[in-house]
C-alpha cells in the first residue's frame, strides 16, 4: 500500500470526509477529520462574512496545525499510515478568498511560520464535483449554516484549488471527476474510485 500520508480534498460537499472514512476502515489507516463542528465562528461567517472571516480563518489555522502536529507525532511512533480529509494548505486557499488585503498579509505571516514544521502528503486526491451536485450533497447532509452558501462562493473555491494545484510545487496530485460516481450507494463505483487512487 503506497502513500503513507494520503489526503482526500475537494470543495464543500464533494464527499471527501465520507471517502476518507471508507479508506481508513478498509485499509487500517489513521483517520484525520477536520474539526469544524465546534468552531463557533463558522455559522456566524456565513451570516456576516466580512466581520467573521479573519477570526474564522485564524481559528481554523490553529486547529488544523494542532491536530496535524499531534497526529504525526503519534503516527511516526506507531508507523501507521494516515488518511486525512483536508490538506493543510486549504487554509491559504480559503483565506485568499475570504480575507481582505491587509488581513491576508498578517495571516500569511502566521501561516508561513507554522506550515514549515508540518510534513507534506505523499498523495493528494482531489474530488472534483460540479456546483449543482455540490449543492445537492450540501442539502442532503442538512447543516443549516451551509444552506445559503451561494454558487459564486463554491465557484471561487473551485478556482482557488485549481490555481493552487497548477501553480504550486506539490507532491503527486490526482484530480478525479466524481459527478457520475456515487461511491456511497454503489459498491462498484467505490471499487473503481479506489482503483484510480491506489493503482
N, C-alpha and C. Protein backbone atom coordinates (compact mmCIF):
# COMPACT_ATOMS: atom_id res chain seq x y z
N UNK A 1 0.85 -1.19 0.00
CA UNK A 1 0.00 0.00 0.00
C UNK A 1 0.89 1.24 0.00
N UNK A 2 0.71 2.13 -0.96
CA UNK A 2 1.55 3.31 -1.07
C UNK A 2 0.92 4.48 -0.34
N UNK A 3 1.61 5.61 -0.38
CA UNK A 3 1.13 6.88 0.17
C UNK A 3 0.89 6.77 1.67
N UNK A 4 1.98 6.83 2.43
CA UNK A 4 1.85 6.78 3.88
C UNK A 4 1.01 7.89 4.43
N UNK A 5 1.07 9.07 3.80
CA UNK A 5 0.25 10.21 4.19
C UNK A 5 -0.61 10.58 2.99
N UNK A 6 -1.86 10.17 3.04
CA UNK A 6 -2.81 10.37 1.95
C UNK A 6 -3.82 11.43 2.34
N UNK A 7 -4.06 12.38 1.43
CA UNK A 7 -5.04 13.44 1.67
C UNK A 7 -6.16 13.36 0.63
N UNK A 8 -7.40 13.40 1.11
CA UNK A 8 -8.56 13.49 0.24
C UNK A 8 -9.08 14.92 0.34
N UNK A 9 -9.08 15.64 -0.76
CA UNK A 9 -9.53 17.03 -0.76
C UNK A 9 -10.69 17.22 -1.75
N UNK A 10 -11.33 18.36 -1.63
CA UNK A 10 -12.44 18.68 -2.52
C UNK A 10 -13.19 19.88 -2.00
N UNK A 11 -14.08 20.38 -2.81
CA UNK A 11 -14.90 21.53 -2.46
C UNK A 11 -15.89 21.12 -1.35
N UNK A 12 -16.62 22.08 -0.83
CA UNK A 12 -17.64 21.81 0.17
C UNK A 12 -18.71 20.90 -0.43
N UNK A 13 -18.94 19.75 0.20
CA UNK A 13 -19.95 18.83 -0.30
C UNK A 13 -19.46 17.85 -1.34
N UNK A 14 -18.16 17.71 -1.50
CA UNK A 14 -17.62 16.82 -2.55
C UNK A 14 -17.56 15.36 -2.13
N UNK A 15 -17.70 15.08 -0.82
CA UNK A 15 -17.65 13.70 -0.35
C UNK A 15 -16.31 13.28 0.21
N UNK A 16 -15.42 14.23 0.47
CA UNK A 16 -14.06 13.90 0.92
C UNK A 16 -14.06 13.20 2.28
N UNK A 17 -14.92 13.64 3.20
CA UNK A 17 -14.93 13.02 4.53
C UNK A 17 -15.44 11.59 4.45
N UNK A 18 -16.49 11.37 3.68
CA UNK A 18 -17.03 10.01 3.53
C UNK A 18 -15.99 9.07 2.95
N UNK A 19 -15.27 9.54 1.93
CA UNK A 19 -14.26 8.68 1.31
C UNK A 19 -13.09 8.43 2.26
N UNK A 20 -12.68 9.44 3.00
CA UNK A 20 -11.58 9.26 3.96
C UNK A 20 -11.95 8.22 5.01
N UNK A 21 -13.20 8.25 5.47
CA UNK A 21 -13.66 7.25 6.45
C UNK A 21 -13.60 5.83 5.88
N UNK A 22 -14.03 5.70 4.64
CA UNK A 22 -14.04 4.38 4.00
C UNK A 22 -12.61 3.85 3.86
N UNK A 23 -11.70 4.70 3.40
CA UNK A 23 -10.31 4.29 3.21
C UNK A 23 -9.68 3.92 4.55
N UNK A 24 -9.99 4.69 5.58
CA UNK A 24 -9.44 4.40 6.91
C UNK A 24 -9.86 3.01 7.39
N UNK A 25 -11.15 2.69 7.23
CA UNK A 25 -11.66 1.41 7.69
C UNK A 25 -11.16 0.25 6.81
N UNK A 26 -11.12 0.48 5.52
CA UNK A 26 -10.78 -0.60 4.59
C UNK A 26 -9.29 -0.95 4.65
N UNK A 27 -8.45 0.06 4.87
CA UNK A 27 -7.01 -0.15 4.80
C UNK A 27 -6.29 0.07 6.14
N UNK A 28 -7.06 0.18 7.22
CA UNK A 28 -6.49 0.34 8.56
C UNK A 28 -5.52 1.52 8.62
N UNK A 29 -6.01 2.68 8.19
CA UNK A 29 -5.23 3.91 8.25
C UNK A 29 -5.73 4.79 9.38
N UNK A 30 -4.82 5.51 9.99
CA UNK A 30 -5.19 6.51 10.99
C UNK A 30 -6.01 7.59 10.30
N UNK A 31 -7.19 7.89 10.86
CA UNK A 31 -8.11 8.83 10.24
C UNK A 31 -7.99 10.21 10.88
N UNK A 32 -7.84 11.23 10.03
CA UNK A 32 -7.80 12.62 10.50
C UNK A 32 -8.92 13.38 9.81
N UNK A 33 -9.88 13.86 10.60
CA UNK A 33 -11.01 14.60 10.07
C UNK A 33 -10.96 16.04 10.55
N UNK A 34 -11.31 16.94 9.65
CA UNK A 34 -11.31 18.36 10.02
C UNK A 34 -12.35 18.61 11.12
N UNK A 35 -11.94 19.33 12.14
CA UNK A 35 -12.81 19.59 13.29
C UNK A 35 -13.47 20.95 13.12
N UNK A 36 -14.61 20.97 12.45
CA UNK A 36 -15.30 22.23 12.20
C UNK A 36 -16.57 22.39 13.05
N UNK A 37 -17.06 21.29 13.59
CA UNK A 37 -18.35 21.32 14.28
C UNK A 37 -18.33 22.24 15.49
N UNK A 38 -17.19 22.32 16.17
CA UNK A 38 -17.10 23.13 17.38
C UNK A 38 -16.65 24.56 17.10
N UNK A 39 -16.43 24.89 15.84
CA UNK A 39 -15.97 26.24 15.51
C UNK A 39 -17.16 27.20 15.51
N UNK A 40 -17.25 28.02 16.55
CA UNK A 40 -18.41 28.91 16.70
C UNK A 40 -18.41 30.04 15.68
N UNK A 41 -17.26 30.28 15.03
CA UNK A 41 -17.20 31.35 14.04
C UNK A 41 -17.84 30.95 12.71
N UNK A 42 -17.95 29.65 12.44
CA UNK A 42 -18.39 29.22 11.12
C UNK A 42 -19.82 29.63 10.81
N UNK A 43 -20.81 29.34 11.67
CA UNK A 43 -22.18 29.81 11.36
C UNK A 43 -22.26 31.33 11.25
N UNK A 44 -21.49 32.03 12.08
CA UNK A 44 -21.51 33.49 12.03
C UNK A 44 -20.88 34.00 10.73
N UNK A 45 -19.87 33.29 10.24
CA UNK A 45 -19.23 33.70 9.00
C UNK A 45 -20.20 33.66 7.83
N UNK A 46 -21.00 32.61 7.76
CA UNK A 46 -21.94 32.50 6.64
C UNK A 46 -23.01 33.60 6.68
N UNK A 47 -23.28 34.12 7.87
CA UNK A 47 -24.24 35.22 8.00
C UNK A 47 -23.60 36.58 7.76
N UNK A 48 -22.34 36.73 8.19
CA UNK A 48 -21.66 38.02 8.09
C UNK A 48 -20.19 37.78 7.74
N UNK A 49 -19.89 37.48 6.48
CA UNK A 49 -18.52 37.10 6.09
C UNK A 49 -17.46 38.17 6.38
N UNK A 50 -17.77 39.41 6.13
CA UNK A 50 -16.77 40.45 6.29
C UNK A 50 -16.32 40.58 7.74
N UNK A 51 -17.24 40.43 8.67
CA UNK A 51 -16.90 40.59 10.08
C UNK A 51 -16.17 39.38 10.65
N UNK A 52 -16.56 38.19 10.24
CA UNK A 52 -16.05 36.99 10.90
C UNK A 52 -15.02 36.21 10.10
N UNK A 53 -14.65 36.68 8.92
CA UNK A 53 -13.70 35.93 8.10
C UNK A 53 -12.34 35.78 8.78
N UNK A 54 -11.81 36.87 9.33
CA UNK A 54 -10.46 36.81 9.91
C UNK A 54 -10.39 35.89 11.14
N UNK A 55 -11.27 36.05 12.14
CA UNK A 55 -11.19 35.11 13.27
C UNK A 55 -11.49 33.67 12.85
N UNK A 56 -12.36 33.49 11.86
CA UNK A 56 -12.64 32.13 11.39
C UNK A 56 -11.38 31.49 10.80
N UNK A 57 -10.72 32.21 9.91
CA UNK A 57 -9.55 31.63 9.25
C UNK A 57 -8.40 31.41 10.24
N UNK A 58 -8.21 32.30 11.19
CA UNK A 58 -7.17 32.10 12.20
C UNK A 58 -7.49 30.89 13.08
N UNK A 59 -8.75 30.74 13.45
CA UNK A 59 -9.12 29.61 14.30
C UNK A 59 -8.93 28.29 13.57
N UNK A 60 -9.30 28.23 12.29
CA UNK A 60 -9.08 27.01 11.52
C UNK A 60 -7.58 26.72 11.37
N UNK A 61 -6.80 27.76 11.15
CA UNK A 61 -5.36 27.58 11.01
C UNK A 61 -4.77 26.95 12.27
N UNK A 62 -5.15 27.48 13.43
CA UNK A 62 -4.64 26.96 14.70
C UNK A 62 -5.11 25.53 14.94
N UNK A 63 -6.38 25.26 14.66
CA UNK A 63 -6.92 23.92 14.89
C UNK A 63 -6.28 22.88 13.98
N UNK A 64 -6.13 23.23 12.71
CA UNK A 64 -5.52 22.28 11.77
C UNK A 64 -4.08 21.99 12.14
N UNK A 65 -3.35 23.03 12.49
CA UNK A 65 -1.94 22.82 12.86
C UNK A 65 -1.83 21.93 14.10
N UNK A 66 -2.59 22.25 15.13
CA UNK A 66 -2.53 21.46 16.36
C UNK A 66 -2.90 20.02 16.13
N UNK A 67 -3.93 19.81 15.34
CA UNK A 67 -4.39 18.44 15.07
C UNK A 67 -3.35 17.65 14.30
N UNK A 68 -2.80 18.23 13.23
CA UNK A 68 -1.84 17.51 12.40
C UNK A 68 -0.52 17.28 13.13
N UNK A 69 -0.08 18.27 13.91
CA UNK A 69 1.17 18.12 14.65
C UNK A 69 1.06 16.96 15.63
N UNK A 70 -0.03 16.90 16.38
CA UNK A 70 -0.22 15.81 17.34
C UNK A 70 -0.34 14.47 16.62
N UNK A 71 -1.06 14.48 15.52
CA UNK A 71 -1.26 13.24 14.77
C UNK A 71 0.06 12.66 14.30
N UNK A 72 0.91 13.50 13.72
CA UNK A 72 2.13 12.97 13.14
C UNK A 72 3.15 12.59 14.20
N UNK A 73 3.09 13.21 15.35
CA UNK A 73 3.91 12.74 16.45
C UNK A 73 3.52 11.30 16.81
N UNK A 74 2.21 11.01 16.79
CA UNK A 74 1.71 9.67 17.12
C UNK A 74 1.98 8.67 15.99
N UNK A 75 1.74 9.10 14.75
CA UNK A 75 1.86 8.17 13.63
C UNK A 75 3.32 7.78 13.36
N UNK A 76 4.23 8.73 13.59
CA UNK A 76 5.65 8.40 13.42
C UNK A 76 6.06 7.32 14.41
N UNK A 77 5.55 7.45 15.63
CA UNK A 77 5.88 6.47 16.67
C UNK A 77 5.28 5.10 16.37
N UNK A 78 4.07 5.08 15.83
CA UNK A 78 3.38 3.80 15.60
C UNK A 78 3.66 3.21 14.22
N UNK A 79 4.04 4.05 13.27
CA UNK A 79 4.26 3.58 11.91
C UNK A 79 2.99 3.37 11.12
N UNK A 80 1.84 3.78 11.64
CA UNK A 80 0.57 3.58 10.95
C UNK A 80 0.38 4.63 9.86
N UNK A 81 -0.01 4.23 8.64
CA UNK A 81 -0.28 5.21 7.59
C UNK A 81 -1.50 6.06 7.92
N UNK A 82 -1.60 7.21 7.27
CA UNK A 82 -2.60 8.22 7.61
C UNK A 82 -3.45 8.55 6.39
N UNK A 83 -4.74 8.79 6.63
CA UNK A 83 -5.61 9.39 5.61
C UNK A 83 -6.34 10.56 6.26
N UNK A 84 -6.33 11.69 5.58
CA UNK A 84 -6.95 12.91 6.10
C UNK A 84 -7.95 13.44 5.10
N UNK A 85 -9.00 14.11 5.61
CA UNK A 85 -10.00 14.69 4.71
C UNK A 85 -9.73 16.17 4.45
N UNK A 86 -8.51 16.62 4.73
CA UNK A 86 -8.17 18.00 4.37
C UNK A 86 -6.66 18.15 4.19
N UNK A 87 -6.32 19.06 3.34
CA UNK A 87 -4.94 19.47 3.09
C UNK A 87 -4.68 20.73 3.90
N UNK A 88 -3.57 20.78 4.63
CA UNK A 88 -3.31 21.95 5.45
C UNK A 88 -3.30 23.23 4.62
N UNK A 89 -2.82 23.15 3.40
CA UNK A 89 -2.75 24.32 2.53
C UNK A 89 -4.11 24.89 2.15
N UNK A 90 -5.20 24.14 2.45
CA UNK A 90 -6.51 24.70 2.17
C UNK A 90 -6.73 25.96 3.01
N UNK A 91 -6.02 26.07 4.13
CA UNK A 91 -6.10 27.27 4.95
C UNK A 91 -5.78 28.50 4.11
N UNK A 92 -4.74 28.38 3.30
CA UNK A 92 -4.32 29.50 2.47
C UNK A 92 -5.31 29.75 1.34
N UNK A 93 -5.85 28.69 0.76
CA UNK A 93 -6.81 28.83 -0.33
C UNK A 93 -8.05 29.57 0.14
N UNK A 94 -8.61 29.16 1.28
CA UNK A 94 -9.81 29.81 1.81
C UNK A 94 -9.51 31.24 2.26
N UNK A 95 -8.35 31.45 2.87
CA UNK A 95 -8.01 32.78 3.36
C UNK A 95 -7.88 33.77 2.20
N UNK A 96 -7.29 33.34 1.10
CA UNK A 96 -7.13 34.23 -0.03
C UNK A 96 -8.47 34.66 -0.63
N UNK A 97 -9.47 33.83 -0.46
CA UNK A 97 -10.81 34.17 -0.95
C UNK A 97 -11.56 35.04 0.05
N UNK A 98 -11.40 34.76 1.34
CA UNK A 98 -12.25 35.38 2.36
C UNK A 98 -11.69 36.64 3.01
N UNK A 99 -10.37 36.84 2.97
CA UNK A 99 -9.78 37.95 3.70
C UNK A 99 -9.48 39.13 2.79
N UNK A 100 -9.47 40.32 3.39
CA UNK A 100 -9.05 41.49 2.62
C UNK A 100 -7.52 41.55 2.57
N UNK A 101 -6.99 42.51 1.84
CA UNK A 101 -5.56 42.55 1.57
C UNK A 101 -4.73 42.65 2.84
N UNK A 102 -5.09 43.58 3.74
CA UNK A 102 -4.31 43.76 4.97
C UNK A 102 -4.40 42.54 5.88
N UNK A 103 -5.59 41.96 5.98
CA UNK A 103 -5.76 40.76 6.79
C UNK A 103 -4.91 39.62 6.23
N UNK A 104 -4.87 39.53 4.91
CA UNK A 104 -4.13 38.44 4.28
C UNK A 104 -2.63 38.54 4.55
N UNK A 105 -2.11 39.75 4.57
CA UNK A 105 -0.68 39.94 4.85
C UNK A 105 -0.34 39.41 6.25
N UNK A 106 -1.15 39.76 7.24
CA UNK A 106 -0.92 39.29 8.60
C UNK A 106 -1.12 37.78 8.71
N UNK A 107 -2.18 37.30 8.08
CA UNK A 107 -2.47 35.86 8.11
C UNK A 107 -1.32 35.06 7.53
N UNK A 108 -0.78 35.53 6.41
CA UNK A 108 0.30 34.81 5.72
C UNK A 108 1.54 34.71 6.59
N UNK A 109 1.79 35.69 7.44
CA UNK A 109 2.94 35.63 8.33
C UNK A 109 2.81 34.46 9.31
N UNK A 110 1.62 34.32 9.89
CA UNK A 110 1.38 33.18 10.79
C UNK A 110 1.46 31.86 10.02
N UNK A 111 0.85 31.84 8.87
CA UNK A 111 0.80 30.62 8.06
C UNK A 111 2.20 30.13 7.72
N UNK A 112 3.06 31.02 7.26
CA UNK A 112 4.41 30.62 6.84
C UNK A 112 5.22 30.06 8.01
N UNK A 113 5.02 30.61 9.20
CA UNK A 113 5.77 30.15 10.36
C UNK A 113 5.43 28.70 10.70
N UNK A 114 4.15 28.37 10.71
CA UNK A 114 3.75 27.04 11.18
C UNK A 114 3.74 26.00 10.07
N UNK A 115 3.54 26.42 8.83
CA UNK A 115 3.46 25.46 7.73
C UNK A 115 4.76 24.70 7.55
N UNK A 116 5.87 25.38 7.78
CA UNK A 116 7.18 24.78 7.55
C UNK A 116 7.45 23.58 8.45
N UNK A 117 6.73 23.48 9.57
CA UNK A 117 7.00 22.39 10.52
C UNK A 117 6.14 21.16 10.29
N UNK A 118 5.28 21.19 9.27
CA UNK A 118 4.40 20.05 9.01
C UNK A 118 4.89 19.24 7.81
N UNK A 119 4.71 17.93 7.83
CA UNK A 119 5.11 17.10 6.68
C UNK A 119 4.17 17.29 5.50
N UNK A 120 4.70 17.01 4.31
CA UNK A 120 3.90 17.11 3.10
C UNK A 120 3.26 15.75 2.78
N UNK A 121 2.06 15.75 2.21
CA UNK A 121 1.41 14.48 1.83
C UNK A 121 2.20 13.75 0.75
N UNK A 122 2.09 12.43 0.76
CA UNK A 122 2.66 11.62 -0.31
C UNK A 122 1.76 11.60 -1.53
N UNK A 123 0.46 11.74 -1.30
CA UNK A 123 -0.51 11.71 -2.39
C UNK A 123 -1.72 12.55 -2.01
N UNK A 124 -2.16 13.40 -2.95
CA UNK A 124 -3.35 14.22 -2.76
C UNK A 124 -4.39 13.81 -3.80
N UNK A 125 -5.57 13.46 -3.33
CA UNK A 125 -6.69 13.15 -4.23
C UNK A 125 -7.67 14.30 -4.15
N UNK A 126 -7.96 14.91 -5.28
CA UNK A 126 -8.94 16.00 -5.31
C UNK A 126 -10.21 15.50 -6.00
N UNK A 127 -11.31 15.50 -5.26
CA UNK A 127 -12.59 15.05 -5.79
C UNK A 127 -13.31 16.24 -6.43
N UNK A 128 -13.29 16.29 -7.74
CA UNK A 128 -13.99 17.37 -8.43
C UNK A 128 -15.46 17.03 -8.59
N UNK A 129 -16.31 17.99 -8.31
CA UNK A 129 -17.74 17.81 -8.49
C UNK A 129 -18.32 19.14 -8.91
N UNK A 130 -19.27 19.14 -9.85
CA UNK A 130 -19.87 20.37 -10.33
C UNK A 130 -20.71 21.02 -9.23
N UNK A 131 -20.93 22.32 -9.37
CA UNK A 131 -21.67 23.06 -8.34
C UNK A 131 -23.07 22.51 -8.09
N UNK A 132 -23.87 22.18 -9.11
CA UNK A 132 -25.19 21.61 -8.82
C UNK A 132 -25.12 20.35 -7.97
N UNK A 133 -24.14 19.50 -8.21
CA UNK A 133 -24.02 18.28 -7.41
C UNK A 133 -23.46 18.58 -6.01
N UNK A 134 -22.61 19.58 -5.91
CA UNK A 134 -22.17 20.01 -4.58
C UNK A 134 -23.36 20.50 -3.76
N UNK A 135 -24.22 21.32 -4.39
CA UNK A 135 -25.37 21.86 -3.68
C UNK A 135 -26.33 20.74 -3.26
N UNK A 136 -26.46 19.74 -4.10
CA UNK A 136 -27.31 18.59 -3.76
C UNK A 136 -26.79 17.88 -2.52
N UNK A 137 -25.47 17.64 -2.47
CA UNK A 137 -24.89 16.98 -1.30
C UNK A 137 -25.00 17.85 -0.05
N UNK A 138 -24.82 19.13 -0.22
CA UNK A 138 -24.94 20.05 0.92
C UNK A 138 -26.35 20.02 1.49
N UNK A 139 -27.34 20.01 0.62
CA UNK A 139 -28.74 19.93 1.08
C UNK A 139 -28.99 18.60 1.80
N UNK A 140 -28.45 17.53 1.25
CA UNK A 140 -28.71 16.20 1.82
C UNK A 140 -28.12 16.03 3.21
N UNK A 141 -27.01 16.66 3.49
CA UNK A 141 -26.41 16.48 4.81
C UNK A 141 -26.99 17.42 5.85
N UNK A 142 -27.71 18.44 5.43
CA UNK A 142 -28.59 19.18 6.32
C UNK A 142 -27.95 20.06 7.37
N UNK A 143 -26.76 20.61 7.11
CA UNK A 143 -26.19 21.57 8.04
C UNK A 143 -26.81 22.94 7.75
N UNK A 144 -27.55 23.45 8.73
CA UNK A 144 -28.36 24.64 8.44
C UNK A 144 -27.52 25.83 8.04
N UNK A 145 -26.32 25.96 8.61
CA UNK A 145 -25.50 27.13 8.30
C UNK A 145 -24.90 27.07 6.90
N UNK A 146 -24.97 25.89 6.24
CA UNK A 146 -24.48 25.78 4.87
C UNK A 146 -25.59 25.98 3.84
N UNK A 147 -26.82 26.10 4.29
CA UNK A 147 -27.96 26.06 3.37
C UNK A 147 -27.99 27.24 2.40
N UNK A 148 -27.35 28.34 2.76
CA UNK A 148 -27.40 29.52 1.89
C UNK A 148 -26.05 29.84 1.26
N UNK A 149 -25.16 28.86 1.19
CA UNK A 149 -23.89 29.10 0.50
C UNK A 149 -24.17 29.39 -0.97
N UNK A 150 -23.75 30.55 -1.47
CA UNK A 150 -24.04 30.88 -2.87
C UNK A 150 -23.18 30.09 -3.84
N UNK A 151 -23.71 29.88 -5.03
CA UNK A 151 -22.95 29.19 -6.08
C UNK A 151 -21.63 29.91 -6.35
N UNK A 152 -21.65 31.22 -6.29
CA UNK A 152 -20.46 32.00 -6.58
C UNK A 152 -19.31 31.64 -5.64
N UNK A 153 -19.64 31.41 -4.38
CA UNK A 153 -18.61 31.06 -3.40
C UNK A 153 -18.00 29.70 -3.71
N UNK A 154 -18.83 28.74 -4.06
CA UNK A 154 -18.33 27.41 -4.43
C UNK A 154 -17.45 27.49 -5.67
N UNK A 155 -17.82 28.33 -6.62
CA UNK A 155 -17.01 28.51 -7.83
C UNK A 155 -15.67 29.15 -7.51
N UNK A 156 -15.66 30.10 -6.58
CA UNK A 156 -14.41 30.73 -6.17
C UNK A 156 -13.48 29.71 -5.52
N UNK A 157 -14.05 28.83 -4.68
CA UNK A 157 -13.24 27.80 -4.05
C UNK A 157 -12.67 26.84 -5.09
N UNK A 158 -13.51 26.44 -6.03
CA UNK A 158 -13.05 25.53 -7.09
C UNK A 158 -11.89 26.15 -7.85
N UNK A 159 -12.02 27.43 -8.17
CA UNK A 159 -10.96 28.12 -8.90
C UNK A 159 -9.72 28.25 -8.04
N UNK A 160 -9.90 28.49 -6.73
CA UNK A 160 -8.76 28.59 -5.83
C UNK A 160 -7.97 27.29 -5.77
N UNK A 161 -8.67 26.17 -5.68
CA UNK A 161 -7.99 24.87 -5.71
C UNK A 161 -7.27 24.66 -7.04
N UNK A 162 -7.93 25.00 -8.12
CA UNK A 162 -7.34 24.79 -9.45
C UNK A 162 -6.03 25.58 -9.58
N UNK A 163 -6.07 26.84 -9.19
CA UNK A 163 -4.86 27.66 -9.26
C UNK A 163 -3.76 27.10 -8.37
N UNK A 164 -4.14 26.69 -7.18
CA UNK A 164 -3.15 26.16 -6.24
C UNK A 164 -2.48 24.92 -6.81
N UNK A 165 -3.26 23.99 -7.34
CA UNK A 165 -2.69 22.74 -7.83
C UNK A 165 -1.85 22.93 -9.10
N UNK A 166 -2.14 23.97 -9.87
CA UNK A 166 -1.42 24.15 -11.14
C UNK A 166 -0.22 25.09 -11.02
N UNK A 167 -0.13 25.83 -9.90
CA UNK A 167 0.96 26.80 -9.78
C UNK A 167 1.93 26.48 -8.66
N UNK A 168 1.57 25.56 -7.77
CA UNK A 168 2.45 25.25 -6.65
C UNK A 168 3.22 23.96 -6.92
N UNK A 169 4.40 23.88 -6.32
CA UNK A 169 5.21 22.66 -6.41
C UNK A 169 4.70 21.68 -5.37
N UNK A 170 3.82 20.77 -5.79
CA UNK A 170 3.15 19.85 -4.88
C UNK A 170 3.57 18.41 -5.17
N UNK A 171 3.39 17.51 -4.20
CA UNK A 171 3.62 16.08 -4.48
C UNK A 171 2.56 15.57 -5.47
N UNK A 172 2.55 14.28 -5.67
CA UNK A 172 1.63 13.73 -6.67
C UNK A 172 0.18 14.10 -6.35
N UNK A 173 -0.50 14.61 -7.35
CA UNK A 173 -1.89 15.03 -7.22
C UNK A 173 -2.71 14.31 -8.28
N UNK A 174 -3.84 13.73 -7.86
CA UNK A 174 -4.76 13.12 -8.81
C UNK A 174 -6.11 13.80 -8.67
N UNK A 175 -6.59 14.37 -9.76
CA UNK A 175 -7.90 15.02 -9.78
C UNK A 175 -8.89 14.06 -10.43
N UNK A 176 -9.94 13.71 -9.68
CA UNK A 176 -10.90 12.73 -10.14
C UNK A 176 -12.28 13.38 -10.25
N UNK A 177 -12.87 13.32 -11.43
CA UNK A 177 -14.22 13.85 -11.62
C UNK A 177 -15.22 12.85 -11.05
N UNK A 178 -16.00 13.29 -10.07
CA UNK A 178 -16.92 12.38 -9.38
C UNK A 178 -18.39 12.71 -9.65
N UNK A 179 -18.67 13.49 -10.67
CA UNK A 179 -20.06 13.84 -10.97
C UNK A 179 -20.91 12.60 -11.24
N UNK A 180 -20.31 11.59 -11.85
CA UNK A 180 -21.06 10.38 -12.20
C UNK A 180 -20.65 9.19 -11.34
N UNK A 181 -20.08 9.49 -10.17
CA UNK A 181 -19.65 8.44 -9.25
C UNK A 181 -20.40 8.58 -7.93
N UNK A 182 -21.11 7.54 -7.54
CA UNK A 182 -21.80 7.51 -6.25
C UNK A 182 -21.22 6.37 -5.43
N UNK A 183 -20.09 6.65 -4.77
CA UNK A 183 -19.37 5.58 -4.08
C UNK A 183 -20.03 5.20 -2.75
N UNK A 184 -21.01 5.98 -2.31
CA UNK A 184 -21.72 5.66 -1.07
C UNK A 184 -22.75 4.55 -1.31
N UNK A 185 -23.48 4.65 -2.41
CA UNK A 185 -24.60 3.73 -2.65
C UNK A 185 -24.30 2.65 -3.68
N UNK A 186 -23.17 2.75 -4.38
CA UNK A 186 -22.86 1.78 -5.42
C UNK A 186 -21.47 1.20 -5.17
N UNK A 187 -21.39 -0.03 -4.67
CA UNK A 187 -20.08 -0.65 -4.37
C UNK A 187 -19.16 -0.69 -5.58
N UNK A 188 -19.73 -0.87 -6.76
CA UNK A 188 -18.90 -0.90 -7.96
C UNK A 188 -18.22 0.43 -8.21
N UNK A 189 -18.94 1.52 -7.96
CA UNK A 189 -18.35 2.84 -8.12
C UNK A 189 -17.21 3.04 -7.13
N UNK A 190 -17.41 2.53 -5.92
CA UNK A 190 -16.36 2.66 -4.90
C UNK A 190 -15.10 1.92 -5.32
N UNK A 191 -15.25 0.71 -5.81
CA UNK A 191 -14.07 -0.07 -6.22
C UNK A 191 -13.35 0.61 -7.36
N UNK A 192 -14.11 1.20 -8.30
CA UNK A 192 -13.47 1.92 -9.40
C UNK A 192 -12.71 3.14 -8.89
N UNK A 193 -13.30 3.84 -7.93
CA UNK A 193 -12.65 5.03 -7.38
C UNK A 193 -11.37 4.64 -6.63
N UNK A 194 -11.43 3.60 -5.83
CA UNK A 194 -10.27 3.16 -5.08
C UNK A 194 -9.16 2.69 -6.03
N UNK A 195 -9.56 2.10 -7.13
CA UNK A 195 -8.57 1.67 -8.12
C UNK A 195 -7.86 2.87 -8.73
N UNK A 196 -8.60 3.95 -8.98
CA UNK A 196 -7.98 5.16 -9.51
C UNK A 196 -7.00 5.77 -8.51
N UNK A 197 -7.31 5.63 -7.24
CA UNK A 197 -6.45 6.23 -6.21
C UNK A 197 -5.19 5.42 -5.99
N UNK A 198 -5.32 4.08 -5.89
CA UNK A 198 -4.20 3.27 -5.42
C UNK A 198 -3.46 2.52 -6.53
N UNK A 199 -4.00 2.45 -7.72
CA UNK A 199 -3.32 1.73 -8.80
C UNK A 199 -2.44 2.68 -9.61
